[in-house]
Amino acid sequence: MTDVIGTFEDIVRLAPQHEAVLRALRRLAVSLHPELVEVARPGDRAVSWGHGPKKMSEAYAYALPYEKHVNLGFYQGATLADPAGLLKGTGKALRHHSLSSAEEVDRPEIRALMVAAREERRMALGR
């Protein structure tokens, strides 16, 4: 089955209680990578950012809202340096950090994870 591609606003409408967190994450992603490719997948309830539309190979980060928080996830998070110990998960590749407020997005550790994830994908793709 093909992913149904939507818009960022579709994801915000799915979780209006987290609009501020989602918009803060988007602002951070764009500020660090102005030419990023953003893909919203309403069926997954997520929006991803990366060097291309493919989730696991070209994207590096995603926002996935839940009832009480938003997971900022990294598709290759298991390989990222995480000196602050923010990342959770036990899968082969994915790791995430849960955010409850837009102010948390401004933490230097969050910025560092986004930069590291972007760079890891850039290098893996040879760009």
PDB file of N, CA and C in Angstrom:
ATOM      1  N   MET A   1       0.842  -1.187   0.000  1.00  0.00           N
ATOM      2  CA  MET A   1       0.000   0.000   0.000  1.00  0.00           C
ATOM      3  C   MET A   1       0.883   1.244   0.000  1.00  0.00           C
ATOM      4  N   THR A   2       0.527   2.228  -0.755  1.00  0.00           N
ATOM      5  CA  THR A   2       1.271   3.478  -0.843  1.00  0.00           C
ATOM      6  C   THR A   2       0.888   4.393   0.318  1.00  0.00           C
ATOM      7  N   ASP A   3       1.879   5.088   0.865  1.00  0.00           N
ATOM      8  CA  ASP A   3       1.599   6.062   1.920  1.00  0.00           C
ATOM      9  C   ASP A   3       0.710   7.161   1.364  1.00  0.00           C
ATOM     10  N   VAL A   4      -0.258   7.581   2.158  1.00  0.00           N
ATOM     11  CA  VAL A   4      -1.053   8.741   1.793  1.00  0.00           C
ATOM     12  C   VAL A   4      -0.296   9.956   2.305  1.00  0.00           C
ATOM     13  N   ILE A   5       0.096  10.805   1.384  1.00  0.00           N
ATOM     14  CA  ILE A   5       0.870  11.987   1.751  1.00  0.00           C
ATOM     15  C   ILE A   5      -0.099  13.140   2.004  1.00  0.00           C
ATOM     16  N   GLY A   6       0.122  13.839   3.083  1.00  0.00           N
ATOM     17  CA  GLY A   6      -0.718  14.973   3.447  1.00  0.00           C
ATOM     18  C   GLY A   6       0.131  16.212   3.631  1.00  0.00           C
ATOM     19  N   THR A   7      -0.333  17.074   4.508  1.00  0.00           N
ATOM     20  CA  THR A   7       0.368  18.323   4.801  1.00  0.00           C
ATOM     21  C   THR A   7       0.671  18.400   6.294  1.00  0.00           C
ATOM     22  N   PHE A   8       1.562  19.293   6.621  1.00  0.00           N
ATOM     23  CA  PHE A   8       1.868  19.552   8.018  1.00  0.00           C
ATOM     24  C   PHE A   8       0.594  19.909   8.782  1.00  0.00           C
ATOM     25  N   GLU A   9      -0.259  20.702   8.166  1.00  0.00           N
ATOM     26  CA  GLU A   9      -1.507  21.122   8.818  1.00  0.00           C
ATOM     27  C   GLU A   9      -2.412  19.930   9.117  1.00  0.00           C
ATOM     28  N   ASP A  10      -2.352  18.881   8.286  1.00  0.00           N
ATOM     29  CA  ASP A  10      -3.119  17.665   8.576  1.00  0.00           C
ATOM     30  C   ASP A  10      -2.679  17.053   9.898  1.00  0.00           C
ATOM     31  N   ILE A  11      -1.386  17.065  10.156  1.00  0.00           N
ATOM     32  CA  ILE A  11      -0.863  16.490  11.402  1.00  0.00           C
ATOM     33  C   ILE A  11      -1.275  17.360  12.580  1.00  0.00           C
ATOM     34  N   VAL A  12      -1.202  18.674  12.423  1.00  0.00           N
ATOM     35  CA  VAL A  12      -1.628  19.583  13.497  1.00  0.00           C
ATOM     36  C   VAL A  12      -3.105  19.350  13.824  1.00  0.00           C
ATOM     37  N   ARG A  13      -3.929  19.160  12.794  1.00  0.00           N
ATOM     38  CA  ARG A  13      -5.359  18.925  13.031  1.00  0.00           C
ATOM     39  C   ARG A  13      -5.614  17.612  13.786  1.00  0.00           C
ATOM     40  N   LEU A  14      -4.730  16.643  13.628  1.00  0.00           N
ATOM     41  CA  LEU A  14      -4.874  15.379  14.346  1.00  0.00           C
ATOM     42  C   LEU A  14      -4.565  15.518  15.837  1.00  0.00           C
ATOM     43  N   ALA A  15      -3.769  16.523  16.187  1.00  0.00           N
ATOM     44  CA  ALA A  15      -3.352  16.713  17.584  1.00  0.00           C
ATOM     45  C   ALA A  15      -3.287  18.203  17.911  1.00  0.00           C
ATOM     46  N   PRO A  16      -4.428  18.895  17.902  1.00  0.00           N
ATOM     47  CA  PRO A  16      -4.401  20.350  18.119  1.00  0.00           C
ATOM     48  C   PRO A  16      -3.829  20.751  19.474  1.00  0.00           C
ATOM     49  N   GLN A  17      -3.899  19.864  20.457  1.00  0.00           N
ATOM     50  CA  GLN A  17      -3.346  20.171  21.771  1.00  0.00           C
ATOM     51  C   GLN A  17      -1.819  20.301  21.734  1.00  0.00           C
ATOM     52  N   HIS A  18      -1.205  19.811  20.664  1.00  0.00           N
ATOM     53  CA  HIS A  18       0.248  19.868  20.541  1.00  0.00           C
ATOM     54  C   HIS A  18       0.715  20.780  19.412  1.00  0.00           C
ATOM     55  N   GLU A  19      -0.158  21.672  18.987  1.00  0.00           N
ATOM     56  CA  GLU A  19       0.199  22.561  17.877  1.00  0.00           C
ATOM     57  C   GLU A  19       1.487  23.331  18.160  1.00  0.00           C
ATOM     58  N   ALA A  20       1.644  23.876  19.350  1.00  0.00           N
ATOM     59  CA  ALA A  20       2.831  24.676  19.667  1.00  0.00           C
ATOM     60  C   ALA A  20       4.106  23.837  19.580  1.00  0.00           C
ATOM     61  N   VAL A  21       4.075  22.611  20.077  1.00  0.00           N
ATOM     62  CA  VAL A  21       5.254  21.734  20.023  1.00  0.00           C
ATOM     63  C   VAL A  21       5.568  21.383  18.567  1.00  0.00           C
ATOM     64  N   LEU A  22       4.544  21.007  17.811  1.00  0.00           N
ATOM     65  CA  LEU A  22       4.758  20.641  16.410  1.00  0.00           C
ATOM     66  C   LEU A  22       5.339  21.813  15.616  1.00  0.00           C
ATOM     67  N   ARG A  23       4.800  23.002  15.818  1.00  0.00           N
ATOM     68  CA  ARG A  23       5.310  24.176  15.086  1.00  0.00           C
ATOM     69  C   ARG A  23       6.730  24.529  15.518  1.00  0.00           C
ATOM     70  N   ALA A  24       7.034  24.372  16.804  1.00  0.00           N
ATOM     71  CA  ALA A  24       8.398  24.644  17.279  1.00  0.00           C
ATOM     72  C   ALA A  24       9.382  23.649  16.670  1.00  0.00           C
ATOM     73  N   LEU A  25       9.004  22.385  16.585  1.00  0.00           N
ATOM     74  CA  LEU A  25       9.873  21.382  15.964  1.00  0.00           C
ATOM     75  C   LEU A  25      10.094  21.691  14.483  1.00  0.00           C
ATOM     76  N   ARG A  26       9.029  22.080  13.818  1.00  0.00           N
ATOM     77  CA  ARG A  26       9.156  22.433  12.401  1.00  0.00           C
ATOM     78  C   ARG A  26      10.083  23.630  12.216  1.00  0.00           C
ATOM     79  N   ARG A  27       9.920  24.653  13.053  1.00  0.00           N
ATOM     80  CA  ARG A  27      10.805  25.832  12.963  1.00  0.00           C
ATOM     81  C   ARG A  27      12.258  25.429  13.168  1.00  0.00           C
ATOM     82  N   LEU A  28      12.518  24.562  14.148  1.00  0.00           N
ATOM     83  CA  LEU A  28      13.882  24.105  14.399  1.00  0.00           C
ATOM     84  C   LEU A  28      14.418  23.361  13.184  1.00  0.00           C
ATOM     85  N   ALA A  29      13.639  22.441  12.650  1.00  0.00           N
ATOM     86  CA  ALA A  29      14.086  21.658  11.495  1.00  0.00           C
ATOM     87  C   ALA A  29      14.421  22.569  10.317  1.00  0.00           C
ATOM     88  N   VAL A  30      13.563  23.517  10.026  1.00  0.00           N
ATOM     89  CA  VAL A  30      13.789  24.421   8.895  1.00  0.00           C
ATOM     90  C   VAL A  30      14.984  25.328   9.159  1.00  0.00           C
ATOM     91  N   SER A  31      15.161  25.767  10.394  1.00  0.00           N
ATOM     92  CA  SER A  31      16.296  26.647  10.696  1.00  0.00           C
ATOM     93  C   SER A  31      17.631  25.919  10.533  1.00  0.00           C
ATOM     94  N   LEU A  32      17.643  24.622  10.792  1.00  0.00           N
ATOM     95  CA  LEU A  32      18.872  23.837  10.682  1.00  0.00           C
ATOM     96  C   LEU A  32      19.100  23.296   9.277  1.00  0.00           C
ATOM     97  N   HIS A  33      18.042  23.220   8.484  1.00  0.00           N
ATOM     98  CA  HIS A  33      18.125  22.570   7.176  1.00  0.00           C
ATOM     99  C   HIS A  33      17.068  23.201   6.255  1.00  0.00           C
ATOM    100  N   PRO A  34      17.313  24.439   5.795  1.00  0.00           N
ATOM    101  CA  PRO A  34      16.297  25.159   5.014  1.00  0.00           C
ATOM    102  C   PRO A  34      15.809  24.420   3.767  1.00  0.00           C
ATOM    103  N   GLU A  35      16.641  23.591   3.176  1.00  0.00           N
ATOM    104  CA  GLU A  35      16.242  22.873   1.959  1.00  0.00           C
ATOM    105  C   GLU A  35      15.655  21.485   2.255  1.00  0.00           C
ATOM    106  N   LEU A  36      15.258  21.251   3.486  1.00  0.00           N
ATOM    107  CA  LEU A  36      14.744  19.937   3.877  1.00  0.00           C
ATOM    108  C   LEU A  36      13.517  19.530   3.065  1.00  0.00           C
ATOM    109  N   VAL A  37      13.265  18.244   3.057  1.00  0.00           N
ATOM    110  CA  VAL A  37      12.052  17.684   2.475  1.00  0.00           C
ATOM    111  C   VAL A  37      11.153  17.294   3.649  1.00  0.00           C
ATOM    112  N   GLU A  38       9.964  17.878   3.688  1.00  0.00           N
ATOM    113  CA  GLU A  38       8.994  17.582   4.740  1.00  0.00           C
ATOM    114  C   GLU A  38       7.903  16.701   4.146  1.00  0.00           C
ATOM    115  N   VAL A  39       7.614  15.614   4.833  1.00  0.00           N
ATOM    116  CA  VAL A  39       6.564  14.699   4.379  1.00  0.00           C
ATOM    117  C   VAL A  39       5.633  14.411   5.555  1.00  0.00           C
ATOM    118  N   ALA A  40       4.370  14.726   5.356  1.00  0.00           N
ATOM    119  CA  ALA A  40       3.354  14.423   6.361  1.00  0.00           C
ATOM    120  C   ALA A  40       2.609  13.174   5.922  1.00  0.00           C
ATOM    121  N   ARG A  41       2.474  12.258   6.833  1.00  0.00           N
ATOM    122  CA  ARG A  41       1.745  11.009   6.576  1.00  0.00           C
ATOM    123  C   ARG A  41       0.630  10.897   7.618  1.00  0.00           C
ATOM    124  N   PRO A  42      -0.559  11.420   7.297  1.00  0.00           N
ATOM    125  CA  PRO A  42      -1.650  11.377   8.277  1.00  0.00           C
ATOM    126  C   PRO A  42      -1.986   9.968   8.751  1.00  0.00           C
ATOM    127  N   GLY A  43      -1.838   8.971   7.905  1.00  0.00           N
ATOM    128  CA  GLY A  43      -2.109   7.594   8.319  1.00  0.00           C
ATOM    129  C   GLY A  43      -1.165   7.127   9.415  1.00  0.00           C
ATOM    130  N   ASP A  44       0.065   7.643   9.405  1.00  0.00           N
ATOM    131  CA  ASP A  44       1.045   7.342  10.457  1.00  0.00           C
ATOM    132  C   ASP A  44       0.935   8.327  11.619  1.00  0.00           C
ATOM    133  N   ARG A  45       0.151   9.395  11.431  1.00  0.00           N
ATOM    134  CA  ARG A  45       0.013  10.502  12.392  1.00  0.00           C
ATOM    135  C   ARG A  45       1.332  11.243  12.578  1.00  0.00           C
ATOM    136  N   ALA A  46       2.183  11.256  11.568  1.00  0.00           N
ATOM    137  CA  ALA A  46       3.523  11.814  11.744  1.00  0.00           C
ATOM    138  C   ALA A  46       3.935  12.708  10.577  1.00  0.00           C
ATOM    139  N   VAL A  47       4.887  13.557  10.883  1.00  0.00           N
ATOM    140  CA  VAL A  47       5.540  14.370   9.856  1.00  0.00           C
ATOM    141  C   VAL A  47       7.038  14.098   9.976  1.00  0.00           C
ATOM    142  N   SER A  48       7.693  13.945   8.827  1.00  0.00           N
ATOM    143  CA  SER A  48       9.136  13.673   8.865  1.00  0.00           C
ATOM    144  C   SER A  48       9.889  14.747   8.096  1.00  0.00           C
ATOM    145  N   TRP A  49      11.159  14.863   8.445  1.00  0.00           N
ATOM    146  CA  TRP A  49      12.048  15.832   7.803  1.00  0.00           C
ATOM    147  C   TRP A  49      13.307  15.116   7.370  1.00  0.00           C
ATOM    148  N   GLY A  50      13.785  15.467   6.176  1.00  0.00           N
ATOM    149  CA  GLY A  50      14.987  14.808   5.702  1.00  0.00           C
ATOM    150  C   GLY A  50      15.493  15.337   4.383  1.00  0.00           C
ATOM    151  N   HIS A  51      16.286  14.487   3.735  1.00  0.00           N
ATOM    152  CA  HIS A  51      16.912  14.818   2.460  1.00  0.00           C
ATOM    153  C   HIS A  51      16.078  14.311   1.288  1.00  0.00           C
ATOM    154  N   GLY A  52      15.026  13.579   1.574  1.00  0.00           N
ATOM    155  CA  GLY A  52      14.133  13.034   0.566  1.00  0.00           C
ATOM    156  C   GLY A  52      12.910  12.456   1.239  1.00  0.00           C
ATOM    157  N   PRO A  53      11.961  11.928   0.473  1.00  0.00           N
ATOM    158  CA  PRO A  53      10.689  11.487   1.040  1.00  0.00           C
ATOM    159  C   PRO A  53      10.686  10.106   1.702  1.00  0.00           C
ATOM    160  N   LYS A  54      11.702   9.312   1.495  1.00  0.00           N
ATOM    161  CA  LYS A  54      11.702   7.960   2.055  1.00  0.00           C
ATOM    162  C   LYS A  54      12.002   7.993   3.553  1.00  0.00           C
ATOM    163  N   LYS A  55      11.095   7.386   4.328  1.00  0.00           N
ATOM    164  CA  LYS A  55      11.196   7.461   5.790  1.00  0.00           C
ATOM    165  C   LYS A  55      12.523   6.946   6.334  1.00  0.00           C
ATOM    166  N   MET A  56      12.803   5.703   6.105  1.00  0.00           N
ATOM    167  CA  MET A  56      13.942   5.078   6.770  1.00  0.00           C
ATOM    168  C   MET A  56      15.284   5.352   6.103  1.00  0.00           C
ATOM    169  N   SER A  57      15.299   5.757   4.859  1.00  0.00           N
ATOM    170  CA  SER A  57      16.588   5.944   4.194  1.00  0.00           C
ATOM    171  C   SER A  57      16.949   7.399   3.932  1.00  0.00           C
ATOM    172  N   GLU A  58      15.970   8.268   3.745  1.00  0.00           N
ATOM    173  CA  GLU A  58      16.291   9.664   3.421  1.00  0.00           C
ATOM    174  C   GLU A  58      15.904  10.650   4.521  1.00  0.00           C
ATOM    175  N   ALA A  59      14.875  10.329   5.281  1.00  0.00           N
ATOM    176  CA  ALA A  59      14.465  11.207   6.380  1.00  0.00           C
ATOM    177  C   ALA A  59      15.338  10.926   7.596  1.00  0.00           C
ATOM    178  N   TYR A  60      15.490  11.924   8.433  1.00  0.00           N
ATOM    179  CA  TYR A  60      16.306  11.727   9.641  1.00  0.00           C
ATOM    180  C   TYR A  60      15.533  11.956  10.925  1.00  0.00           C
ATOM    181  N   ALA A  61      14.443  12.702  10.880  1.00  0.00           N
ATOM    182  CA  ALA A  61      13.695  12.989  12.110  1.00  0.00           C
ATOM    183  C   ALA A  61      12.206  13.003  11.815  1.00  0.00           C
ATOM    184  N   TYR A  62      11.423  12.771  12.862  1.00  0.00           N
ATOM    185  CA  TYR A  62       9.972  12.834  12.712  1.00  0.00           C
ATOM    186  C   TYR A  62       9.341  13.327  14.004  1.00  0.00           C
ATOM    187  N   ALA A  63       8.141  13.876  13.863  1.00  0.00           N
ATOM    188  CA  ALA A  63       7.333  14.267  15.016  1.00  0.00           C
ATOM    189  C   ALA A  63       6.076  13.416  14.977  1.00  0.00           C
ATOM    190  N   LEU A  64       5.788  12.769  16.095  1.00  0.00           N
ATOM    191  CA  LEU A  64       4.642  11.873  16.201  1.00  0.00           C
ATOM    192  C   LEU A  64       3.867  12.234  17.470  1.00  0.00           C
ATOM    193  N   PRO A  65       2.729  12.928  17.318  1.00  0.00           N
ATOM    194  CA  PRO A  65       1.977  13.332  18.503  1.00  0.00           C
ATOM    195  C   PRO A  65       1.165  12.187  19.114  1.00  0.00           C
ATOM    196  N   TYR A  66       1.154  12.178  20.422  1.00  0.00           N
ATOM    197  CA  TYR A  66       0.329  11.273  21.211  1.00  0.00           C
ATOM    198  C   TYR A  66      -0.621  12.132  22.040  1.00  0.00           C
ATOM    199  N   GLU A  67      -1.391  11.520  22.908  1.00  0.00           N
ATOM    200  CA  GLU A  67      -2.357  12.289  23.685  1.00  0.00           C
ATOM    201  C   GLU A  67      -1.696  13.324  24.593  1.00  0.00           C
ATOM    202  N   LYS A  68      -0.626  12.924  25.290  1.00  0.00           N
ATOM    203  CA  LYS A  68      -0.024  13.812  26.288  1.00  0.00           C
ATOM    204  C   LYS A  68       1.352  14.348  25.924  1.00  0.00           C
ATOM    205  N   HIS A  69       1.914  13.936  24.781  1.00  0.00           N
ATOM    206  CA  HIS A  69       3.242  14.404  24.398  1.00  0.00           C
ATOM    207  C   HIS A  69       3.445  14.213  22.895  1.00  0.00           C
ATOM    208  N   VAL A  70       4.558  14.723  22.424  1.00  0.00           N
ATOM    209  CA  VAL A  70       4.972  14.520  21.030  1.00  0.00           C
ATOM    210  C   VAL A  70       6.329  13.845  21.054  1.00  0.00           C
ATOM    211  N   ASN A  71       6.439  12.747  20.342  1.00  0.00           N
ATOM    212  CA  ASN A  71       7.752  12.118  20.216  1.00  0.00           C
ATOM    213  C   ASN A  71       8.513  12.782  19.076  1.00  0.00           C
ATOM    214  N   LEU A  72       9.712  13.247  19.389  1.00  0.00           N
ATOM    215  CA  LEU A  72      10.665  13.654  18.372  1.00  0.00           C
ATOM    216  C   LEU A  72      11.513  12.421  18.151  1.00  0.00           C
ATOM    217  N   GLY A  73      11.355  11.820  17.000  1.00  0.00           N
ATOM    218  CA  GLY A  73      12.041  10.570  16.727  1.00  0.00           C
ATOM    219  C   GLY A  73      13.119  10.723  15.676  1.00  0.00           C
ATOM    220  N   PHE A  74      14.045   9.798  15.721  1.00  0.00           N
ATOM    221  CA  PHE A  74      15.166   9.780  14.777  1.00  0.00           C
ATOM    222  C   PHE A  74      15.234   8.398  14.148  1.00  0.00           C
ATOM    223  N   TYR A  75      15.148   8.368  12.821  1.00  0.00           N
ATOM    224  CA  TYR A  75      15.102   7.093  12.103  1.00  0.00           C
ATOM    225  C   TYR A  75      16.365   6.259  12.295  1.00  0.00           C
ATOM    226  N   GLN A  76      17.497   6.910  12.478  1.00  0.00           N
ATOM    227  CA  GLN A  76      18.748   6.200  12.737  1.00  0.00           C
ATOM    228  C   GLN A  76      19.289   6.597  14.115  1.00  0.00           C
ATOM    229  N   GLY A  77      18.376   6.788  15.047  1.00  0.00           N
ATOM    230  CA  GLY A  77      18.731   7.274  16.377  1.00  0.00           C
ATOM    231  C   GLY A  77      19.657   6.371  17.170  1.00  0.00           C
ATOM    232  N   ALA A  78      19.648   5.079  16.876  1.00  0.00           N
ATOM    233  CA  ALA A  78      20.513   4.151  17.617  1.00  0.00           C
ATOM    234  C   ALA A  78      21.987   4.446  17.379  1.00  0.00           C
ATOM    235  N   THR A  79      22.296   5.137  16.286  1.00  0.00           N
ATOM    236  CA  THR A  79      23.697   5.437  15.968  1.00  0.00           C
ATOM    237  C   THR A  79      24.119   6.832  16.411  1.00  0.00           C
ATOM    238  N   LEU A  80      23.184   7.624  16.917  1.00  0.00           N
ATOM    239  CA  LEU A  80      23.504   9.006  17.285  1.00  0.00           C
ATOM    240  C   LEU A  80      24.181   9.091  18.649  1.00  0.00           C
ATOM    241  N   ALA A  81      25.139   9.985  18.747  1.00  0.00           N
ATOM    242  CA  ALA A  81      25.725  10.303  20.055  1.00  0.00           C
ATOM    243  C   ALA A  81      24.639  11.002  20.867  1.00  0.00           C
ATOM    244  N   ASP A  82      24.474  10.596  22.104  1.00  0.00           N
ATOM    245  CA  ASP A  82      23.438  11.150  22.967  1.00  0.00           C
ATOM    246  C   ASP A  82      24.008  11.362  24.367  1.00  0.00           C
ATOM    247  N   PRO A  83      24.934  12.316  24.509  1.00  0.00           N
ATOM    248  CA  PRO A  83      25.588  12.499  25.816  1.00  0.00           C
ATOM    249  C   PRO A  83      24.624  12.869  26.939  1.00  0.00           C
ATOM    250  N   ALA A  84      23.491  13.494  26.615  1.00  0.00           N
ATOM    251  CA  ALA A  84      22.526  13.870  27.650  1.00  0.00           C
ATOM    252  C   ALA A  84      21.591  12.714  28.008  1.00  0.00           C
ATOM    253  N   GLY A  85      21.665  11.608  27.281  1.00  0.00           N
ATOM    254  CA  GLY A  85      20.834  10.446  27.571  1.00  0.00           C
ATOM    255  C   GLY A  85      19.344  10.678  27.349  1.00  0.00           C
ATOM    256  N   LEU A  86      19.009  11.469  26.335  1.00  0.00           N
ATOM    257  CA  LEU A  86      17.608  11.798  26.075  1.00  0.00           C
ATOM    258  C   LEU A  86      16.851  10.728  25.303  1.00  0.00           C
ATOM    259  N   LEU A  87      17.541   9.982  24.470  1.00  0.00           N
ATOM    260  CA  LEU A  87      16.868   9.076  23.550  1.00  0.00           C
ATOM    261  C   LEU A  87      16.429   7.779  24.222  1.00  0.00           C
ATOM    262  N   LYS A  88      15.214   7.382  23.861  1.00  0.00           N
ATOM    263  CA  LYS A  88      14.621   6.144  24.384  1.00  0.00           C
ATOM    264  C   LYS A  88      14.289   5.232  23.210  1.00  0.00           C
ATOM    265  N   GLY A  89      14.207   3.955  23.500  1.00  0.00           N
ATOM    266  CA  GLY A  89      13.842   2.970  22.494  1.00  0.00           C
ATOM    267  C   GLY A  89      14.837   1.829  22.478  1.00  0.00           C
ATOM    268  N   THR A  90      14.370   0.678  22.017  1.00  0.00           N
ATOM    269  CA  THR A  90      15.221  -0.504  22.018  1.00  0.00           C
ATOM    270  C   THR A  90      15.295  -1.168  20.655  1.00  0.00           C
ATOM    271  N   GLY A  91      14.689  -0.553  19.652  1.00  0.00           N
ATOM    272  CA  GLY A  91      14.691  -1.131  18.312  1.00  0.00           C
ATOM    273  C   GLY A  91      16.057  -1.069  17.662  1.00  0.00           C
ATOM    274  N   LYS A  92      16.143  -1.666  16.494  1.00  0.00           N
ATOM    275  CA  LYS A  92      17.401  -1.722  15.754  1.00  0.00           C
ATOM    276  C   LYS A  92      17.895  -0.331  15.354  1.00  0.00           C
ATOM    277  N   ALA A  93      16.982   0.586  15.006  1.00  0.00           N
ATOM    278  CA  ALA A  93      17.401   1.884  14.493  1.00  0.00           C
ATOM    279  C   ALA A  93      16.727   3.066  15.187  1.00  0.00           C
ATOM    280  N   LEU A  94      15.427   3.013  15.377  1.00  0.00           N
ATOM    281  CA  LEU A  94      14.661   4.160  15.869  1.00  0.00           C
ATOM    282  C   LEU A  94      14.950   4.481  17.333  1.00  0.00           C
ATOM    283  N   ARG A  95      14.995   5.781  17.613  1.00  0.00           N
ATOM    284  CA  ARG A  95      15.050   6.290  18.980  1.00  0.00           C
ATOM    285  C   ARG A  95      14.194   7.548  19.014  1.00  0.00           C
ATOM    286  N   HIS A  96      13.699   7.906  20.203  1.00  0.00           N
ATOM    287  CA  HIS A  96      12.851   9.083  20.319  1.00  0.00           C
ATOM    288  C   HIS A  96      13.052   9.766  21.671  1.00  0.00           C
ATOM    289  N   HIS A  97      12.581  11.001  21.713  1.00  0.00           N
ATOM    290  CA  HIS A  97      12.526  11.760  22.958  1.00  0.00           C
ATOM    291  C   HIS A  97      11.147  12.397  23.018  1.00  0.00           C
ATOM    292  N   SER A  98      10.482  12.308  24.153  1.00  0.00           N
ATOM    293  CA  SER A  98       9.137  12.854  24.316  1.00  0.00           C
ATOM    294  C   SER A  98       9.194  14.301  24.786  1.00  0.00           C
ATOM    295  N   LEU A  99       8.387  15.132  24.136  1.00  0.00           N
ATOM    296  CA  LEU A  99       8.310  16.555  24.460  1.00  0.00           C
ATOM    297  C   LEU A  99       6.887  16.906  24.860  1.00  0.00           C
ATOM    298  N   SER A 100       6.753  17.705  25.911  1.00  0.00           N
ATOM    299  CA  SER A 100       5.430  18.116  26.381  1.00  0.00           C
ATOM    300  C   SER A 100       5.155  19.593  26.178  1.00  0.00           C
ATOM    301  N   SER A 101       6.207  20.369  25.876  1.00  0.00           N
ATOM    302  CA  SER A 101       6.019  21.810  25.689  1.00  0.00           C
ATOM    303  C   SER A 101       6.949  22.325  24.595  1.00  0.00           C
ATOM    304  N   ALA A 102       6.521  23.417  23.988  1.00  0.00           N
ATOM    305  CA  ALA A 102       7.321  24.038  22.921  1.00  0.00           C
ATOM    306  C   ALA A 102       8.660  24.531  23.460  1.00  0.00           C
ATOM    307  N   GLU A 103       8.691  24.931  24.714  1.00  0.00           N
ATOM    308  CA  GLU A 103       9.940  25.437  25.303  1.00  0.00           C
ATOM    309  C   GLU A 103      11.030  24.367  25.329  1.00  0.00           C
ATOM    310  N   GLU A 104      10.639  23.111  25.472  1.00  0.00           N
ATOM    311  CA  GLU A 104      11.624  22.026  25.491  1.00  0.00           C
ATOM    312  C   GLU A 104      12.376  21.908  24.172  1.00  0.00           C
ATOM    313  N   VAL A 105      11.749  22.316  23.087  1.00  0.00           N
ATOM    314  CA  VAL A 105      12.374  22.230  21.766  1.00  0.00           C
ATOM    315  C   VAL A 105      13.615  23.117  21.699  1.00  0.00           C
ATOM    316  N   ASP A 106      13.646  24.180  22.503  1.00  0.00           N
ATOM    317  CA  ASP A 106      14.771  25.121  22.490  1.00  0.00           C
ATOM    318  C   ASP A 106      16.000  24.625  23.240  1.00  0.00           C
ATOM    319  N   ARG A 107      15.919  23.470  23.863  1.00  0.00           N
ATOM    320  CA  ARG A 107      17.078  22.955  24.600  1.00  0.00           C
ATOM    321  C   ARG A 107      18.235  22.676  23.649  1.00  0.00           C
ATOM    322  N   PRO A 108      19.451  23.033  24.036  1.00  0.00           N
ATOM    323  CA  PRO A 108      20.608  22.785  23.171  1.00  0.00           C
ATOM    324  C   PRO A 108      20.782  21.310  22.826  1.00  0.00           C
ATOM    325  N   GLU A 109      20.394  20.427  23.737  1.00  0.00           N
ATOM    326  CA  GLU A 109      20.533  18.991  23.483  1.00  0.00           C
ATOM    327  C   GLU A 109      19.622  18.524  22.351  1.00  0.00           C
ATOM    328  N   ILE A 110      18.444  19.137  22.245  1.00  0.00           N
ATOM    329  CA  ILE A 110      17.510  18.794  21.160  1.00  0.00           C
ATOM    330  C   ILE A 110      18.090  19.261  19.837  1.00  0.00           C
ATOM    331  N   ARG A 111      18.594  20.475  19.832  1.00  0.00           N
ATOM    332  CA  ARG A 111      19.230  21.026  18.622  1.00  0.00           C
ATOM    333  C   ARG A 111      20.399  20.140  18.185  1.00  0.00           C
ATOM    334  N   ALA A 112      21.217  19.726  19.145  1.00  0.00           N
ATOM    335  CA  ALA A 112      22.380  18.896  18.828  1.00  0.00           C
ATOM    336  C   ALA A 112      21.958  17.557  18.224  1.00  0.00           C
ATOM    337  N   LEU A 113      20.891  16.961  18.737  1.00  0.00           N
ATOM    338  CA  LEU A 113      20.403  15.703  18.178  1.00  0.00           C
ATOM    339  C   LEU A 113      19.914  15.897  16.744  1.00  0.00           C
ATOM    340  N   MET A 114      19.210  16.977  16.502  1.00  0.00           N
ATOM    341  CA  MET A 114      18.731  17.248  15.137  1.00  0.00           C
ATOM    342  C   MET A 114      19.898  17.451  14.172  1.00  0.00           C
ATOM    343  N   VAL A 115      20.909  18.188  14.597  1.00  0.00           N
ATOM    344  CA  VAL A 115      22.088  18.416  13.752  1.00  0.00           C
ATOM    345  C   VAL A 115      22.795  17.094  13.476  1.00  0.00           C
ATOM    346  N   ALA A 116      22.983  16.296  14.505  1.00  0.00           N
ATOM    347  CA  ALA A 116      23.666  15.011  14.336  1.00  0.00           C
ATOM    348  C   ALA A 116      22.886  14.081  13.416  1.00  0.00           C
ATOM    349  N   ALA A 117      21.572  14.061  13.568  1.00  0.00           N
ATOM    350  CA  ALA A 117      20.741  13.197  12.722  1.00  0.00           C
ATOM    351  C   ALA A 117      20.787  13.643  11.270  1.00  0.00           C
ATOM    352  N   ARG A 118      20.698  14.946  11.042  1.00  0.00           N
ATOM    353  CA  ARG A 118      20.788  15.482   9.679  1.00  0.00           C
ATOM    354  C   ARG A 118      22.120  15.122   9.047  1.00  0.00           C
ATOM    355  N   GLU A 119      23.178  15.295   9.791  1.00  0.00           N
ATOM    356  CA  GLU A 119      24.519  15.021   9.266  1.00  0.00           C
ATOM    357  C   GLU A 119      24.724  13.526   9.002  1.00  0.00           C
ATOM    358  N   GLU A 120      24.214  12.684   9.885  1.00  0.00           N
ATOM    359  CA  GLU A 120      24.345  11.233   9.689  1.00  0.00           C
ATOM    360  C   GLU A 120      23.700  10.821   8.369  1.00  0.00           C
ATOM    361  N   ARG A 121      22.490  11.332   8.097  1.00  0.00           N
ATOM    362  CA  ARG A 121      21.791  10.989   6.847  1.00  0.00           C
ATOM    363  C   ARG A 121      22.496  11.582   5.640  1.00  0.00           C
ATOM    364  N   ARG A 122      23.003  12.807   5.777  1.00  0.00           N
ATOM    365  CA  ARG A 122      23.720  13.442   4.664  1.00  0.00           C
ATOM    366  C   ARG A 122      24.922  12.601   4.274  1.00  0.00           C
ATOM    367  N   MET A 123      25.666  12.156   5.254  1.00  0.00           N
ATOM    368  CA  MET A 123      26.850  11.340   4.990  1.00  0.00           C
ATOM    369  C   MET A 123      26.444   9.979   4.409  1.00  0.00           C
ATOM    370  N   ALA A 124      25.427   9.356   4.976  1.00  0.00           N
ATOM    371  CA  ALA A 124      24.992   8.050   4.488  1.00  0.00           C
ATOM    372  C   ALA A 124      24.511   8.108   3.047  1.00  0.00           C
ATOM    373  N   LEU A 125      23.916   9.241   2.673  1.00  0.00           N
ATOM    374  CA  LEU A 125      23.434   9.413   1.306  1.00  0.00           C
ATOM    375  C   LEU A 125      24.497   9.947   0.355  1.00  0.00           C
ATOM    376  N   GLY A 126      25.667  10.284   0.901  1.00  0.00           N
ATOM    377  CA  GLY A 126      26.760  10.804   0.073  1.00  0.00           C
ATOM    378  C   GLY A 126      26.482  12.183  -0.483  1.00  0.00           C
ATOM    379  N   ARG A 127      25.840  13.024   0.328  1.00  0.00           N
ATOM    380  CA  ARG A 127      25.489  14.372  -0.149  1.00  0.00           C
ATOM    381  C   ARG A 127      26.322  15.428   0.520  1.00  0.00           C
TER     382      ARG A 127
END
